[in-house]
C-alpha atoms as a PDB file:
ATOM      1  CA  UNK A   1     -22.157 -68.932 -26.106  1.00  0.00           C
ATOM      2  CA  UNK A   2     -22.575 -65.405 -25.055  1.00  0.00           C
ATOM      3  CA  UNK A   3     -19.967 -62.831 -26.291  1.00  0.00           C
ATOM      4  CA  UNK A   4     -17.837 -61.123 -23.601  1.00  0.00           C
ATOM      5  CA  UNK A   5     -18.196 -57.369 -23.098  1.00  0.00           C
ATOM      6  CA  UNK A   6     -15.325 -55.232 -24.361  1.00  0.00           C
ATOM      7  CA  UNK A   7     -14.391 -54.181 -20.829  1.00  0.00           C
ATOM      8  CA  UNK A   8     -13.727 -57.763 -19.758  1.00  0.00           C
ATOM      9  CA  UNK A   9     -11.682 -58.416 -22.895  1.00  0.00           C
ATOM     10  CA  UNK A  10      -9.536 -55.289 -22.319  1.00  0.00           C
ATOM     11  CA  UNK A  11      -9.100 -56.005 -18.586  1.00  0.00           C
ATOM     12  CA  UNK A  12      -7.969 -59.561 -19.386  1.00  0.00           C
ATOM     13  CA  UNK A  13      -5.407 -58.305 -21.939  1.00  0.00           C
ATOM     14  CA  UNK A  14      -4.111 -55.744 -19.454  1.00  0.00           C
ATOM     15  CA  UNK A  15      -3.753 -58.366 -16.691  1.00  0.00           C
ATOM     16  CA  UNK A  16      -1.567 -60.461 -18.970  1.00  0.00           C
ATOM     17  CA  UNK A  17       0.723 -57.562 -19.980  1.00  0.00           C
ATOM     18  CA  UNK A  18       0.850 -55.435 -16.805  1.00  0.00           C
ATOM     19  CA  UNK A  19       2.005 -56.856 -13.462  1.00  0.00           C
ATOM     20  CA  UNK A  20      -0.358 -56.466 -10.472  1.00  0.00           C
ATOM     21  CA  UNK A  21       2.190 -54.640  -8.292  1.00  0.00           C
ATOM     22  CA  UNK A  22       2.854 -51.880 -10.846  1.00  0.00           C
ATOM     23  CA  UNK A  23       2.128 -48.402  -9.420  1.00  0.00           C
ATOM     24  CA  UNK A  24       2.036 -45.670 -12.072  1.00  0.00           C
ATOM     25  CA  UNK A  25       0.889 -42.756  -9.892  1.00  0.00           C
ATOM     26  CA  UNK A  26       4.236 -41.994  -8.151  1.00  0.00           C
ATOM     27  CA  UNK A  27       5.979 -41.558 -11.504  1.00  0.00           C
ATOM     28  CA  UNK A  28       3.163 -39.395 -12.884  1.00  0.00           C
ATOM     29  CA  UNK A  29       3.073 -37.264  -9.717  1.00  0.00           C
ATOM     30  CA  UNK A  30       6.861 -36.788  -9.879  1.00  0.00           C
ATOM     31  CA  UNK A  31       6.582 -35.492 -13.437  1.00  0.00           C
ATOM     32  CA  UNK A  32       3.775 -33.128 -12.484  1.00  0.00           C
ATOM     33  CA  UNK A  33       5.806 -31.776  -9.538  1.00  0.00           C
ATOM     34  CA  UNK A  34       8.876 -31.434 -11.755  1.00  0.00           C
ATOM     35  CA  UNK A  35       6.921 -29.257 -14.165  1.00  0.00           C
ATOM     36  CA  UNK A  36       5.856 -26.783 -11.456  1.00  0.00           C
ATOM     37  CA  UNK A  37       7.824 -23.559 -11.411  1.00  0.00           C
ATOM     38  CA  UNK A  38       8.386 -21.813  -8.078  1.00  0.00           C
ATOM     39  CA  UNK A  39       8.669 -18.039  -7.891  1.00  0.00           C
ATOM     40  CA  UNK A  40      12.012 -16.507  -6.974  1.00  0.00           C
ATOM     41  CA  UNK A  41      11.855 -15.235  -3.338  1.00  0.00           C
ATOM     42  CA  UNK A  42      12.936 -11.721  -4.402  1.00  0.00           C
ATOM     43  CA  UNK A  43      10.277 -11.620  -7.095  1.00  0.00           C
ATOM     44  CA  UNK A  44       7.682 -12.936  -4.635  1.00  0.00           C
ATOM     45  CA  UNK A  45       8.619 -10.171  -2.134  1.00  0.00           C
ATOM     46  CA  UNK A  46       8.465  -7.505  -4.859  1.00  0.00           C
ATOM     47  CA  UNK A  47       5.076  -8.719  -6.093  1.00  0.00           C
ATOM     48  CA  UNK A  48       3.684  -8.802  -2.541  1.00  0.00           C
ATOM     49  CA  UNK A  49       4.953  -5.276  -1.895  1.00  0.00           C
ATOM     50  CA  UNK A  50       3.418  -4.003  -5.126  1.00  0.00           C
ATOM     51  CA  UNK A  51       0.121  -5.658  -4.289  1.00  0.00           C
ATOM     52  CA  UNK A  52       0.045  -4.077  -0.812  1.00  0.00           C
ATOM     53  CA  UNK A  53       0.890  -0.653  -2.255  1.00  0.00           C
ATOM     54  CA  UNK A  54      -1.817  -1.027  -4.904  1.00  0.00           C
ATOM     55  CA  UNK A  55      -4.401  -1.930  -2.272  1.00  0.00           C
ATOM     56  CA  UNK A  56      -3.347   1.035  -0.111  1.00  0.00           C
ATOM     57  CA  UNK A  57      -3.443   3.391  -3.083  1.00  0.00           C
ATOM     58  CA  UNK A  58      -6.907   2.156  -4.023  1.00  0.00           C
ATOM     59  CA  UNK A  59      -8.042   2.721  -0.452  1.00  0.00           C
ATOM     60  CA  UNK A  60      -6.625   6.242  -0.397  1.00  0.00           C
ATOM     61  CA  UNK A  61      -8.300   7.123  -3.678  1.00  0.00           C
ATOM     62  CA  UNK A  62     -11.609   5.432  -2.929  1.00  0.00           C
ATOM     63  CA  UNK A  63     -12.520   6.950   0.422  1.00  0.00           C
ATOM     64  CA  UNK A  64     -10.974   9.939   2.214  1.00  0.00           C
ATOM     65  CA  UNK A  65     -11.976   8.449   5.579  1.00  0.00           C
ATOM     66  CA  UNK A  66      -9.959   5.337   4.809  1.00  0.00           C
ATOM     67  CA  UNK A  67      -7.008   7.502   3.786  1.00  0.00           C
ATOM     68  CA  UNK A  68      -7.010   9.447   7.045  1.00  0.00           C
ATOM     69  CA  UNK A  69      -7.405   6.271   9.120  1.00  0.00           C
ATOM     70  CA  UNK A  70      -4.489   4.600   7.332  1.00  0.00           C
ATOM     71  CA  UNK A  71      -2.431   7.761   7.737  1.00  0.00           C
ATOM     72  CA  UNK A  72      -3.030   7.796  11.485  1.00  0.00           C
ATOM     73  CA  UNK A  73      -2.241   4.098  11.665  1.00  0.00           C
ATOM     74  CA  UNK A  74       1.061   4.554   9.830  1.00  0.00           C
ATOM     75  CA  UNK A  75       1.938   7.854  11.523  1.00  0.00           C
ATOM     76  CA  UNK A  76       1.658   9.895   8.320  1.00  0.00           C
ATOM     77  CA  UNK A  77      -0.386  13.069   7.930  1.00  0.00           C
ATOM     78  CA  UNK A  78      -0.903  14.333   4.350  1.00  0.00           C
ATOM     79  CA  UNK A  79       0.820  17.655   3.779  1.00  0.00           C
ATOM     80  CA  UNK A  80       2.764  17.335   7.036  1.00  0.00           C
ATOM     81  CA  UNK A  81       4.632  14.045   6.887  1.00  0.00           C
ATOM     82  CA  UNK A  82       5.580  11.468   9.493  1.00  0.00           C
ATOM     83  CA  UNK A  83       4.649  12.209  13.095  1.00  0.00           C
ATOM     84  CA  UNK A  84       5.675  10.604  16.374  1.00  0.00           C
ATOM     85  CA  UNK A  85       2.882   8.345  17.603  1.00  0.00           C
ATOM     86  CA  UNK A  86       4.369   7.481  20.987  1.00  0.00           C
ATOM     87  CA  UNK A  87       2.651  10.455  22.642  1.00  0.00           C
ATOM     88  CA  UNK A  88      -0.274  12.748  21.976  1.00  0.00           C
ATOM     89  CA  UNK A  89      -0.661  14.194  18.487  1.00  0.00           C
ATOM     90  CA  UNK A  90      -2.602  17.397  18.046  1.00  0.00           C
ATOM     91  CA  UNK A  91      -3.754  18.330  14.548  1.00  0.00           C
ATOM     92  CA  UNK A  92      -5.220  21.622  13.345  1.00  0.00           C
ATOM     93  CA  UNK A  93      -8.814  20.833  12.454  1.00  0.00           C
ATOM     94  CA  UNK A  94      -9.605  23.784  10.147  1.00  0.00           C
ATOM     95  CA  UNK A  95      -7.488  26.493   8.488  1.00  0.00           C
ATOM     96  CA  UNK A  96      -7.038  29.627  10.596  1.00  0.00           C
ATOM     97  CA  UNK A  97      -6.384  33.129   9.258  1.00  0.00           C
ATOM     98  CA  UNK A  98      -5.544  36.468  10.822  1.00  0.00           C
ATOM     99  CA  UNK A  99      -4.985  39.939   9.388  1.00  0.00           C
ATOM    100  CA  UNK A 100      -3.361  42.764  11.325  1.00  0.00           C
ATOM    101  CA  UNK A 101      -1.616  45.962  10.154  1.00  0.00           C
ATOM    102  CA  UNK A 102      -1.700  44.885   6.512  1.00  0.00           C
ATOM    103  CA  UNK A 103      -0.133  41.515   7.182  1.00  0.00           C
ATOM    104  CA  UNK A 104      -2.256  38.481   6.376  1.00  0.00           C
ATOM    105  CA  UNK A 105      -1.295  35.017   7.678  1.00  0.00           C
ATOM    106  CA  UNK A 106      -3.190  31.815   7.001  1.00  0.00           C
ATOM    107  CA  UNK A 107      -2.237  28.556   8.726  1.00  0.00           C
ATOM    108  CA  UNK A 108      -3.560  25.823   6.448  1.00  0.00           C
ATOM    109  CA  UNK A 109      -2.342  22.682   8.241  1.00  0.00           C
ATOM    110  CA  UNK A 110      -0.573  22.023  11.487  1.00  0.00           C
ATOM    111  CA  UNK A 111       0.417  19.284  13.893  1.00  0.00           C
ATOM    112  CA  UNK A 112       2.124  19.141  17.259  1.00  0.00           C
ATOM    113  CA  UNK A 113       3.688  16.038  18.778  1.00  0.00           C
ATOM    114  CA  UNK A 114       6.210  15.419  21.544  1.00  0.00           C
ATOM    115  CA  UNK A 115       9.187  16.246  19.333  1.00  0.00           C
ATOM    116  CA  UNK A 116       8.141  18.995  16.934  1.00  0.00           C
ATOM    117  CA  UNK A 117       5.581  21.441  15.655  1.00  0.00           C
ATOM    118  CA  UNK A 118       4.835  21.587  11.922  1.00  0.00           C
ATOM    119  CA  UNK A 119       2.848  24.420  10.333  1.00  0.00           C
ATOM    120  CA  UNK A 120       1.953  24.880   6.689  1.00  0.00           C
ATOM    121  CA  UNK A 121       1.140  28.554   6.253  1.00  0.00           C
ATOM    122  CA  UNK A 122       1.031  31.435   3.778  1.00  0.00           C
ATOM    123  CA  UNK A 123       2.089  34.944   4.659  1.00  0.00           C
ATOM    124  CA  UNK A 124       1.098  38.003   2.618  1.00  0.00           C
ATOM    125  CA  UNK A 125       1.733  41.705   3.000  1.00  0.00           C
ATOM    126  CA  UNK A 126       5.478  41.736   3.663  1.00  0.00           C
ATOM    127  CA  UNK A 127       8.523  41.681   1.424  1.00  0.00           C
ATOM    128  CA  UNK A 128      12.289  41.711   1.790  1.00  0.00           C
ATOM    129  CA  UNK A 129      14.130  44.835   0.705  1.00  0.00           C
ATOM    130  CA  UNK A 130      17.622  44.906  -0.849  1.00  0.00           C
ATOM    131  CA  UNK A 131      19.344  45.005   2.560  1.00  0.00           C
ATOM    132  CA  UNK A 132      17.608  41.823   3.684  1.00  0.00           C
ATOM    133  CA  UNK A 133      15.162  43.455   6.109  1.00  0.00           C
ATOM    134  CA  UNK A 134      11.495  42.567   6.030  1.00  0.00           C
ATOM    135  CA  UNK A 135       9.116  45.405   5.264  1.00  0.00           C
ATOM    136  CA  UNK A 136       5.320  45.676   5.481  1.00  0.00           C
ATOM    137  CA  UNK A 137       3.679  46.198   2.096  1.00  0.00           C
ATOM    138  CA  UNK A 138       0.990  48.844   2.283  1.00  0.00           C
ATOM    139  CA  UNK A 139      -1.310  49.855  -0.503  1.00  0.00           C
ATOM    140  CA  UNK A 140      -2.797  53.345  -0.887  1.00  0.00           C
END
């Protein structure tokens, strides 16, 4: 007589002790699902927002072209702020300076849209006296 392989011996013992219609997977799957933790919706929103801000910040820092494109897309111009995108936006391309009669003005940034004009400028050569009037500063 030839000895039976271990697999056949174990399968035979299992058939005697375990019914054929027993399904273990649904119970195991239920325990696995029970162990899963879902993220709070507020925390999920906060994490998504932080991730988007981190990606935008990385884009702004990595490439100036990306920063300007994102700014135009969002309606934000650095140094100027939010601009109305419903109409035409005109932006000062390069700084402009002018000097006349000892007064020096330099317009560094500027934008014009349908609602407002914004200029970032420096003005030199004038000062305010004690009465509140503006005076031209002249040097000898």
